[in-house]
N, C-alpha and C. Protein backbone atom coordinates (compact mmCIF):
# COMPACT_ATOMS: atom_id res chain seq x y z
N MET A 1 3.27 142.81 96.45
CA MET A 1 2.84 141.47 96.77
C MET A 1 3.51 140.95 98.03
N ILE A 2 4.80 141.22 98.17
CA ILE A 2 5.55 140.76 99.34
C ILE A 2 5.00 141.44 100.59
N ARG A 3 4.63 142.74 100.49
CA ARG A 3 4.06 143.43 101.63
C ARG A 3 2.74 142.80 102.05
N PHE A 4 1.96 142.40 101.10
CA PHE A 4 0.68 141.76 101.38
C PHE A 4 0.87 140.43 102.11
N ILE A 5 1.84 139.64 101.71
CA ILE A 5 2.13 138.35 102.36
C ILE A 5 2.65 138.58 103.78
N ARG A 6 3.53 139.58 103.94
CA ARG A 6 4.07 139.86 105.27
C ARG A 6 2.96 140.34 106.21
N ARG A 7 2.09 141.20 105.68
CA ARG A 7 0.99 141.71 106.50
C ARG A 7 0.04 140.57 106.87
N GLY A 8 -0.23 139.63 105.96
CA GLY A 8 -1.09 138.48 106.23
C GLY A 8 -0.47 137.53 107.24
N ALA A 9 0.84 137.35 107.14
CA ALA A 9 1.53 136.45 108.08
C ALA A 9 1.57 137.05 109.48
N ALA A 10 1.62 138.36 109.59
CA ALA A 10 1.67 139.02 110.89
C ALA A 10 0.28 139.14 111.51
N ASP A 11 -0.75 139.02 110.73
CA ASP A 11 -2.12 139.16 111.24
C ASP A 11 -2.50 137.93 112.07
N GLN A 12 -2.92 138.13 113.30
CA GLN A 12 -3.27 137.03 114.21
C GLN A 12 -4.77 136.86 114.36
N LYS A 13 -5.56 137.63 113.63
CA LYS A 13 -7.00 137.52 113.73
C LYS A 13 -7.43 136.14 113.22
N GLY A 14 -8.27 135.46 114.00
CA GLY A 14 -8.77 134.15 113.60
C GLY A 14 -7.87 132.98 113.99
N ALA A 15 -6.73 133.26 114.60
CA ALA A 15 -5.82 132.17 114.99
C ALA A 15 -6.47 131.25 116.01
N ALA A 16 -7.22 131.82 116.94
CA ALA A 16 -7.88 130.99 117.96
C ALA A 16 -8.92 130.08 117.32
N ALA A 17 -9.63 130.58 116.33
CA ALA A 17 -10.63 129.76 115.66
C ALA A 17 -9.98 128.60 114.91
N VAL A 18 -8.87 128.85 114.28
CA VAL A 18 -8.16 127.78 113.57
C VAL A 18 -7.64 126.75 114.56
N GLU A 19 -7.07 127.22 115.67
CA GLU A 19 -6.57 126.28 116.68
C GLU A 19 -7.72 125.45 117.26
N PHE A 20 -8.87 126.07 117.47
CA PHE A 20 -10.03 125.34 117.98
C PHE A 20 -10.47 124.26 117.00
N VAL A 21 -10.53 124.61 115.74
CA VAL A 21 -10.94 123.64 114.71
C VAL A 21 -9.97 122.47 114.67
N LEU A 22 -8.70 122.72 114.90
CA LEU A 22 -7.71 121.64 114.88
C LEU A 22 -7.78 120.76 116.13
N ILE A 23 -8.07 121.34 117.29
CA ILE A 23 -8.04 120.58 118.54
C ILE A 23 -9.41 119.98 118.89
N PHE A 24 -10.51 120.49 118.36
CA PHE A 24 -11.85 120.00 118.70
C PHE A 24 -12.03 118.50 118.46
N PRO A 25 -11.64 117.95 117.33
CA PRO A 25 -11.83 116.50 117.15
C PRO A 25 -11.12 115.66 118.21
N VAL A 26 -9.95 116.09 118.61
CA VAL A 26 -9.22 115.35 119.65
C VAL A 26 -9.97 115.42 120.97
N LEU A 27 -10.44 116.61 121.34
CA LEU A 27 -11.19 116.76 122.58
C LEU A 27 -12.50 115.97 122.54
N PHE A 28 -13.16 115.97 121.42
CA PHE A 28 -14.42 115.24 121.28
C PHE A 28 -14.19 113.74 121.45
N VAL A 29 -13.18 113.22 120.82
CA VAL A 29 -12.88 111.78 120.93
C VAL A 29 -12.51 111.42 122.36
N LEU A 30 -11.73 112.26 123.03
CA LEU A 30 -11.38 112.01 124.43
C LEU A 30 -12.62 112.02 125.32
N HIS A 31 -13.51 112.96 125.09
CA HIS A 31 -14.73 113.07 125.88
C HIS A 31 -15.61 111.84 125.69
N VAL A 32 -15.83 111.44 124.46
CA VAL A 32 -16.67 110.26 124.17
C VAL A 32 -16.03 109.00 124.75
N GLY A 33 -14.73 108.87 124.61
CA GLY A 33 -14.03 107.70 125.16
C GLY A 33 -14.14 107.63 126.68
N ALA A 34 -14.00 108.77 127.33
CA ALA A 34 -14.12 108.80 128.79
C ALA A 34 -15.54 108.47 129.24
N ALA A 35 -16.52 109.00 128.54
CA ALA A 35 -17.92 108.70 128.87
C ALA A 35 -18.21 107.21 128.67
N GLU A 36 -17.72 106.65 127.60
CA GLU A 36 -17.92 105.23 127.31
C GLU A 36 -17.27 104.35 128.38
N ALA A 37 -16.06 104.69 128.80
CA ALA A 37 -15.36 103.92 129.84
C ALA A 37 -16.09 104.03 131.17
N LEU A 38 -16.59 105.21 131.50
CA LEU A 38 -17.31 105.39 132.75
C LEU A 38 -18.60 104.58 132.77
N MET A 39 -19.31 104.56 131.67
CA MET A 39 -20.55 103.79 131.60
C MET A 39 -20.28 102.29 131.74
N ALA A 40 -19.22 101.81 131.14
CA ALA A 40 -18.85 100.39 131.27
C ALA A 40 -18.48 100.08 132.72
N TYR A 41 -17.75 100.97 133.37
CA TYR A 41 -17.38 100.78 134.77
C TYR A 41 -18.62 100.73 135.66
N GLN A 42 -19.57 101.62 135.41
CA GLN A 42 -20.80 101.62 136.20
C GLN A 42 -21.59 100.33 136.02
N ALA A 43 -21.66 99.83 134.80
CA ALA A 43 -22.36 98.56 134.55
C ALA A 43 -21.66 97.43 135.29
N GLN A 44 -20.34 97.41 135.27
CA GLN A 44 -19.58 96.37 135.98
C GLN A 44 -19.84 96.45 137.47
N ARG A 45 -19.89 97.64 138.03
CA ARG A 45 -20.17 97.80 139.47
C ARG A 45 -21.58 97.34 139.80
N ASN A 46 -22.54 97.65 138.93
CA ASN A 46 -23.91 97.20 139.16
C ASN A 46 -23.99 95.68 139.20
N VAL A 47 -23.25 95.02 138.32
CA VAL A 47 -23.24 93.56 138.30
C VAL A 47 -22.68 93.02 139.61
N ALA A 48 -21.62 93.62 140.12
CA ALA A 48 -21.04 93.20 141.40
C ALA A 48 -22.03 93.42 142.54
N HIS A 49 -22.76 94.53 142.52
CA HIS A 49 -23.75 94.80 143.56
C HIS A 49 -24.90 93.80 143.50
N ILE A 50 -25.31 93.44 142.31
CA ILE A 50 -26.38 92.45 142.17
C ILE A 50 -25.96 91.13 142.81
N ALA A 51 -24.77 90.66 142.49
CA ALA A 51 -24.29 89.38 143.02
C ALA A 51 -24.23 89.41 144.55
N SER A 52 -23.67 90.47 145.11
CA SER A 52 -23.54 90.52 146.57
C SER A 52 -24.89 90.70 147.26
N ALA A 53 -25.79 91.47 146.68
CA ALA A 53 -27.11 91.67 147.28
C ALA A 53 -27.93 90.38 147.28
N MET A 54 -27.90 89.65 146.19
CA MET A 54 -28.63 88.38 146.13
C MET A 54 -28.13 87.42 147.21
N ALA A 55 -26.82 87.26 147.32
CA ALA A 55 -26.25 86.34 148.31
C ALA A 55 -26.57 86.81 149.73
N ASP A 56 -26.48 88.09 149.97
CA ASP A 56 -26.73 88.63 151.29
C ASP A 56 -28.18 88.42 151.72
N ILE A 57 -29.12 88.67 150.82
CA ILE A 57 -30.54 88.52 151.15
C ILE A 57 -30.87 87.07 151.46
N VAL A 58 -30.41 86.14 150.65
CA VAL A 58 -30.72 84.72 150.85
C VAL A 58 -30.04 84.20 152.12
N ALA A 59 -28.84 84.65 152.41
CA ALA A 59 -28.10 84.17 153.58
C ALA A 59 -28.73 84.63 154.90
N GLN A 60 -29.64 85.58 154.85
CA GLN A 60 -30.28 86.07 156.06
C GLN A 60 -31.47 85.21 156.49
N SER A 61 -31.79 84.17 155.73
CA SER A 61 -32.94 83.32 156.02
C SER A 61 -32.50 81.95 156.50
N ARG A 62 -33.39 81.32 157.26
CA ARG A 62 -33.16 79.92 157.65
C ARG A 62 -33.60 78.99 156.54
N SER A 63 -34.67 79.41 155.84
CA SER A 63 -35.18 78.61 154.72
C SER A 63 -35.80 79.56 153.70
N VAL A 64 -35.86 79.09 152.46
CA VAL A 64 -36.44 79.88 151.37
C VAL A 64 -37.34 78.98 150.54
N THR A 65 -38.28 79.61 149.88
CA THR A 65 -39.15 78.88 148.95
C THR A 65 -38.77 79.30 147.53
N THR A 66 -39.30 78.58 146.57
CA THR A 66 -39.06 78.94 145.17
C THR A 66 -39.59 80.34 144.90
N SER A 67 -40.72 80.67 145.49
CA SER A 67 -41.30 82.01 145.32
C SER A 67 -40.37 83.09 145.89
N ASP A 68 -39.79 82.82 147.06
CA ASP A 68 -38.84 83.78 147.66
C ASP A 68 -37.65 84.01 146.73
N LEU A 69 -37.12 82.92 146.21
CA LEU A 69 -35.95 83.03 145.33
C LEU A 69 -36.29 83.74 144.02
N ASP A 70 -37.50 83.49 143.50
CA ASP A 70 -37.93 84.20 142.29
C ASP A 70 -38.03 85.70 142.55
N ASP A 71 -38.52 86.06 143.73
CA ASP A 71 -38.61 87.48 144.09
C ASP A 71 -37.22 88.12 144.18
N VAL A 72 -36.27 87.39 144.77
CA VAL A 72 -34.90 87.91 144.87
C VAL A 72 -34.30 88.10 143.48
N LEU A 73 -34.52 87.13 142.59
CA LEU A 73 -33.99 87.23 141.23
C LEU A 73 -34.60 88.41 140.49
N THR A 74 -35.90 88.59 140.63
CA THR A 74 -36.58 89.69 139.93
C THR A 74 -36.15 91.04 140.47
N ALA A 75 -36.13 91.17 141.79
CA ALA A 75 -35.78 92.46 142.39
C ALA A 75 -34.32 92.82 142.12
N SER A 76 -33.45 91.84 142.22
CA SER A 76 -32.03 92.15 142.01
C SER A 76 -31.74 92.46 140.54
N GLY A 77 -32.50 91.88 139.64
CA GLY A 77 -32.32 92.19 138.22
C GLY A 77 -32.60 93.65 137.92
N ALA A 78 -33.49 94.25 138.71
CA ALA A 78 -33.80 95.67 138.51
C ALA A 78 -32.64 96.57 138.92
N MET A 79 -31.67 96.03 139.66
CA MET A 79 -30.53 96.83 140.11
C MET A 79 -29.58 97.21 138.98
N ILE A 80 -29.74 96.63 137.82
CA ILE A 80 -28.87 96.95 136.69
C ILE A 80 -29.24 98.32 136.09
N HIS A 81 -30.40 98.84 136.47
CA HIS A 81 -30.86 100.14 135.96
C HIS A 81 -29.74 101.18 136.06
N PRO A 82 -29.52 101.98 135.08
CA PRO A 82 -30.28 102.34 133.89
C PRO A 82 -29.97 101.51 132.66
N TYR A 83 -29.26 100.43 132.80
CA TYR A 83 -28.92 99.57 131.66
C TYR A 83 -30.02 98.55 131.45
N PRO A 84 -30.17 98.02 130.24
CA PRO A 84 -31.25 97.07 129.96
C PRO A 84 -31.12 95.78 130.78
N GLN A 85 -32.24 95.29 131.29
CA GLN A 85 -32.25 94.06 132.08
C GLN A 85 -32.11 92.81 131.22
N LEU A 86 -32.31 92.92 129.94
CA LEU A 86 -32.35 91.74 129.07
C LEU A 86 -31.07 90.91 129.12
N GLY A 87 -29.94 91.52 129.33
CA GLY A 87 -28.69 90.79 129.32
C GLY A 87 -28.27 90.20 130.65
N VAL A 88 -29.11 90.33 131.70
CA VAL A 88 -28.73 89.85 133.03
C VAL A 88 -29.04 88.37 133.17
N GLN A 89 -28.02 87.59 133.53
CA GLN A 89 -28.18 86.16 133.81
C GLN A 89 -27.84 85.95 135.29
N GLN A 90 -28.70 85.24 136.02
CA GLN A 90 -28.51 85.10 137.45
C GLN A 90 -28.69 83.65 137.90
N ARG A 91 -27.91 83.28 138.92
CA ARG A 91 -28.07 81.95 139.53
C ARG A 91 -27.77 82.08 141.02
N ILE A 92 -28.62 81.46 141.85
CA ILE A 92 -28.41 81.40 143.29
C ILE A 92 -28.34 79.93 143.66
N SER A 93 -27.33 79.56 144.45
CA SER A 93 -27.14 78.16 144.82
C SER A 93 -26.71 78.06 146.28
N SER A 94 -26.94 76.89 146.83
CA SER A 94 -26.43 76.56 148.15
C SER A 94 -25.49 75.38 148.00
N ILE A 95 -24.28 75.53 148.48
CA ILE A 95 -23.28 74.47 148.41
C ILE A 95 -22.86 74.13 149.84
N SER A 96 -22.76 72.84 150.12
CA SER A 96 -22.33 72.42 151.45
C SER A 96 -21.28 71.33 151.34
N LYS A 97 -20.56 71.16 152.44
CA LYS A 97 -19.55 70.11 152.53
C LYS A 97 -19.87 69.30 153.78
N ASN A 98 -20.06 68.00 153.59
CA ASN A 98 -20.42 67.17 154.74
C ASN A 98 -19.20 66.86 155.60
N SER A 99 -19.41 66.09 156.66
CA SER A 99 -18.34 65.82 157.62
C SER A 99 -17.20 64.98 157.03
N SER A 100 -17.49 64.25 155.93
CA SER A 100 -16.42 63.47 155.30
C SER A 100 -15.70 64.25 154.20
N GLY A 101 -16.11 65.50 153.98
CA GLY A 101 -15.41 66.34 153.02
C GLY A 101 -15.97 66.33 151.61
N THR A 102 -17.14 65.74 151.41
CA THR A 102 -17.76 65.71 150.08
C THR A 102 -18.58 66.98 149.88
N GLN A 103 -18.29 67.69 148.82
CA GLN A 103 -18.98 68.94 148.52
C GLN A 103 -20.14 68.66 147.58
N THR A 104 -21.33 69.19 147.90
CA THR A 104 -22.51 68.98 147.06
C THR A 104 -23.27 70.29 146.89
N THR A 105 -23.99 70.37 145.79
CA THR A 105 -24.90 71.50 145.56
C THR A 105 -26.26 71.08 146.09
N ASP A 106 -26.72 71.77 147.13
CA ASP A 106 -27.98 71.41 147.78
C ASP A 106 -29.19 71.83 146.93
N TRP A 107 -29.17 73.01 146.41
CA TRP A 107 -30.22 73.50 145.52
C TRP A 107 -29.66 74.65 144.69
N SER A 108 -30.32 74.91 143.58
CA SER A 108 -29.88 75.98 142.69
C SER A 108 -31.08 76.46 141.87
N VAL A 109 -31.22 77.77 141.76
CA VAL A 109 -32.26 78.36 140.91
C VAL A 109 -31.58 79.38 140.01
N LYS A 110 -32.16 79.56 138.84
CA LYS A 110 -31.55 80.51 137.92
C LYS A 110 -32.61 81.24 137.11
N LYS A 111 -32.18 82.36 136.57
CA LYS A 111 -33.06 83.18 135.72
C LYS A 111 -32.24 83.61 134.52
N ALA A 112 -32.62 83.13 133.36
CA ALA A 112 -31.95 83.46 132.08
C ALA A 112 -30.49 83.06 132.08
N TYR A 113 -30.09 82.14 132.94
CA TYR A 113 -28.69 81.73 133.06
C TYR A 113 -28.41 80.65 132.02
N THR A 114 -27.45 80.90 131.13
CA THR A 114 -27.23 80.00 130.01
C THR A 114 -25.96 79.17 130.10
N LEU A 115 -25.06 79.49 131.03
CA LEU A 115 -23.83 78.73 131.11
C LEU A 115 -24.09 77.33 131.66
N THR A 116 -23.34 76.37 131.16
CA THR A 116 -23.46 75.01 131.66
C THR A 116 -22.49 74.82 132.82
N GLY A 117 -22.67 73.76 133.55
CA GLY A 117 -21.81 73.50 134.70
C GLY A 117 -22.45 74.03 135.96
N GLY A 118 -22.09 73.42 137.06
CA GLY A 118 -22.66 73.80 138.33
C GLY A 118 -21.89 74.90 139.02
N PRO A 119 -22.44 75.41 140.10
CA PRO A 119 -21.75 76.44 140.88
C PRO A 119 -20.55 75.84 141.60
N SER A 120 -19.62 76.67 141.96
CA SER A 120 -18.43 76.20 142.66
C SER A 120 -17.94 77.27 143.63
N VAL A 121 -17.06 76.85 144.51
CA VAL A 121 -16.43 77.77 145.45
C VAL A 121 -14.92 77.61 145.30
N PRO A 122 -14.17 78.61 145.68
CA PRO A 122 -12.71 78.49 145.61
C PRO A 122 -12.21 77.35 146.50
N TYR A 123 -11.11 76.77 146.10
CA TYR A 123 -10.52 75.66 146.85
C TYR A 123 -10.22 76.10 148.29
N GLY A 124 -10.64 75.28 149.24
CA GLY A 124 -10.38 75.57 150.64
C GLY A 124 -11.35 76.54 151.28
N PHE A 125 -12.36 76.99 150.54
CA PHE A 125 -13.31 77.96 151.08
C PHE A 125 -14.22 77.33 152.14
N LEU A 126 -14.66 76.10 151.89
CA LEU A 126 -15.56 75.42 152.81
C LEU A 126 -14.81 74.39 153.65
N ALA A 127 -15.04 74.43 154.93
CA ALA A 127 -14.54 73.38 155.82
C ALA A 127 -15.64 72.32 155.93
N ASN A 128 -15.29 71.18 156.47
CA ASN A 128 -16.29 70.12 156.66
C ASN A 128 -17.42 70.61 157.56
N GLY A 129 -18.65 70.31 157.14
CA GLY A 129 -19.82 70.71 157.91
C GLY A 129 -20.29 72.13 157.66
N GLU A 130 -19.71 72.84 156.71
CA GLU A 130 -20.12 74.21 156.42
C GLU A 130 -20.92 74.28 155.11
N SER A 131 -21.64 75.38 154.96
CA SER A 131 -22.34 75.64 153.70
C SER A 131 -22.18 77.11 153.33
N VAL A 132 -22.50 77.42 152.10
CA VAL A 132 -22.36 78.79 151.61
C VAL A 132 -23.41 79.04 150.53
N ILE A 133 -23.88 80.27 150.46
CA ILE A 133 -24.75 80.71 149.38
C ILE A 133 -23.85 81.29 148.30
N VAL A 134 -23.99 80.78 147.08
CA VAL A 134 -23.18 81.22 145.96
C VAL A 134 -24.10 81.87 144.93
N THR A 135 -23.74 83.07 144.50
CA THR A 135 -24.51 83.71 143.43
C THR A 135 -23.57 84.00 142.26
N ASP A 136 -24.09 83.80 141.09
CA ASP A 136 -23.36 84.06 139.85
C ASP A 136 -24.21 85.01 139.01
N VAL A 137 -23.60 86.08 138.55
CA VAL A 137 -24.30 87.06 137.71
C VAL A 137 -23.44 87.33 136.48
N ILE A 138 -24.07 87.26 135.32
CA ILE A 138 -23.40 87.55 134.05
C ILE A 138 -24.21 88.64 133.36
N TYR A 139 -23.51 89.62 132.83
CA TYR A 139 -24.19 90.69 132.09
C TYR A 139 -23.41 91.00 130.82
N ASP A 140 -24.09 90.98 129.71
CA ASP A 140 -23.49 91.33 128.43
C ASP A 140 -23.77 92.81 128.17
N TYR A 141 -22.75 93.63 128.39
CA TYR A 141 -22.86 95.07 128.24
C TYR A 141 -22.55 95.47 126.80
N LYS A 142 -23.43 96.29 126.24
CA LYS A 142 -23.23 96.80 124.89
C LYS A 142 -22.99 98.31 124.98
N PRO A 143 -21.78 98.77 124.65
CA PRO A 143 -21.47 100.20 124.75
C PRO A 143 -22.40 101.04 123.88
N THR A 144 -22.69 102.23 124.36
CA THR A 144 -23.59 103.14 123.64
C THR A 144 -23.01 103.58 122.31
N PHE A 145 -21.77 103.99 122.31
CA PHE A 145 -21.15 104.52 121.10
C PHE A 145 -20.39 103.45 120.34
N GLY A 146 -19.68 102.60 121.06
CA GLY A 146 -18.93 101.53 120.43
C GLY A 146 -17.72 102.00 119.64
N LEU A 147 -17.20 103.17 119.95
CA LEU A 147 -16.06 103.68 119.21
C LEU A 147 -14.74 103.06 119.65
N PHE A 148 -14.61 102.80 120.95
CA PHE A 148 -13.32 102.37 121.48
C PHE A 148 -13.35 101.00 122.15
N MET A 149 -14.54 100.45 122.32
CA MET A 149 -14.68 99.18 123.03
C MET A 149 -15.28 98.13 122.10
N PRO A 150 -15.15 96.87 122.48
CA PRO A 150 -15.77 95.82 121.68
C PRO A 150 -17.29 95.99 121.63
N ALA A 151 -17.93 95.33 120.70
CA ALA A 151 -19.38 95.45 120.55
C ALA A 151 -20.12 94.97 121.80
N THR A 152 -19.58 93.95 122.47
CA THR A 152 -20.18 93.42 123.69
C THR A 152 -19.07 93.09 124.69
N ILE A 153 -19.28 93.48 125.94
CA ILE A 153 -18.35 93.16 127.01
C ILE A 153 -19.11 92.31 128.01
N ARG A 154 -18.58 91.14 128.34
CA ARG A 154 -19.24 90.25 129.30
C ARG A 154 -18.64 90.46 130.69
N PHE A 155 -19.50 90.88 131.63
CA PHE A 155 -19.10 91.02 133.02
C PHE A 155 -19.64 89.82 133.79
N THR A 156 -18.78 89.16 134.53
CA THR A 156 -19.16 88.00 135.34
C THR A 156 -18.70 88.25 136.77
N ARG A 157 -19.64 88.11 137.72
CA ARG A 157 -19.30 88.30 139.12
C ARG A 157 -19.92 87.18 139.95
N HIS A 158 -19.22 86.81 141.02
CA HIS A 158 -19.68 85.77 141.94
C HIS A 158 -19.66 86.36 143.34
N ALA A 159 -20.54 85.86 144.19
CA ALA A 159 -20.53 86.25 145.60
C ALA A 159 -20.70 85.00 146.44
N TYR A 160 -20.00 84.96 147.57
CA TYR A 160 -20.05 83.82 148.48
C TYR A 160 -20.36 84.36 149.87
N VAL A 161 -21.51 83.96 150.42
CA VAL A 161 -21.91 84.44 151.75
C VAL A 161 -22.36 83.24 152.57
N ARG A 162 -21.83 83.15 153.78
CA ARG A 162 -22.23 82.06 154.68
C ARG A 162 -23.58 82.39 155.32
N PRO A 163 -24.42 81.36 155.53
CA PRO A 163 -25.71 81.60 156.19
C PRO A 163 -25.51 82.23 157.56
N ARG A 164 -26.41 83.11 157.94
CA ARG A 164 -26.25 83.85 159.20
C ARG A 164 -27.01 83.23 160.37
N LEU A 165 -28.19 82.68 160.09
CA LEU A 165 -29.04 82.22 161.19
C LEU A 165 -29.01 80.71 161.39
N SER A 166 -28.41 79.99 160.51
CA SER A 166 -28.35 78.53 160.62
C SER A 166 -27.11 78.05 159.88
N ASN A 167 -26.83 76.77 159.99
CA ASN A 167 -25.67 76.21 159.28
C ASN A 167 -25.90 76.14 157.77
N GLN A 168 -27.18 76.06 157.39
CA GLN A 168 -27.50 75.91 155.98
C GLN A 168 -28.86 76.52 155.71
N VAL A 169 -29.00 77.19 154.55
CA VAL A 169 -30.30 77.73 154.15
C VAL A 169 -31.02 76.62 153.40
N GLU A 170 -32.13 76.16 153.97
CA GLU A 170 -32.92 75.07 153.37
C GLU A 170 -33.87 75.64 152.33
N LYS A 171 -34.09 74.88 151.29
CA LYS A 171 -35.09 75.26 150.28
C LYS A 171 -36.31 74.38 150.49
N LEU A 172 -37.44 75.04 150.75
CA LEU A 172 -38.69 74.32 151.00
C LEU A 172 -39.47 74.08 149.74
């Protein structure tokens, strides 16, 4: 009996299979976690691109119509692909500061935007007589696997772009 135990203990056949069975769950969890984190990062980057693209497109005009702004909102919403568009909330606004230093929102349009309160700019961003296009984008990202992240992650991005062709982008 002792010889049988010694011979079994010395036998290395199948050791790799046992080691694989022990390490596979750890590797699988690491792989899924990395994939989940990468997908969340890509969604966050898409949200940032949407905000900057919307502001950039509107800032290139002297004036815009409601139809123009609706087109910008619709086209930029498609930039979230391959993630669902349903969670995208967008707002485009024009903010100006008059010569006496009073800041006002000249116009604002939104699509599926649910937050209350008006658009804003960081303190000191606008000097007297200046204006800026402000875009706000919110996206509620739902992870595919949901093993390591919350059920929903809210990404919020803002972009501030000064008008290029005039002091202010007028809404007709």
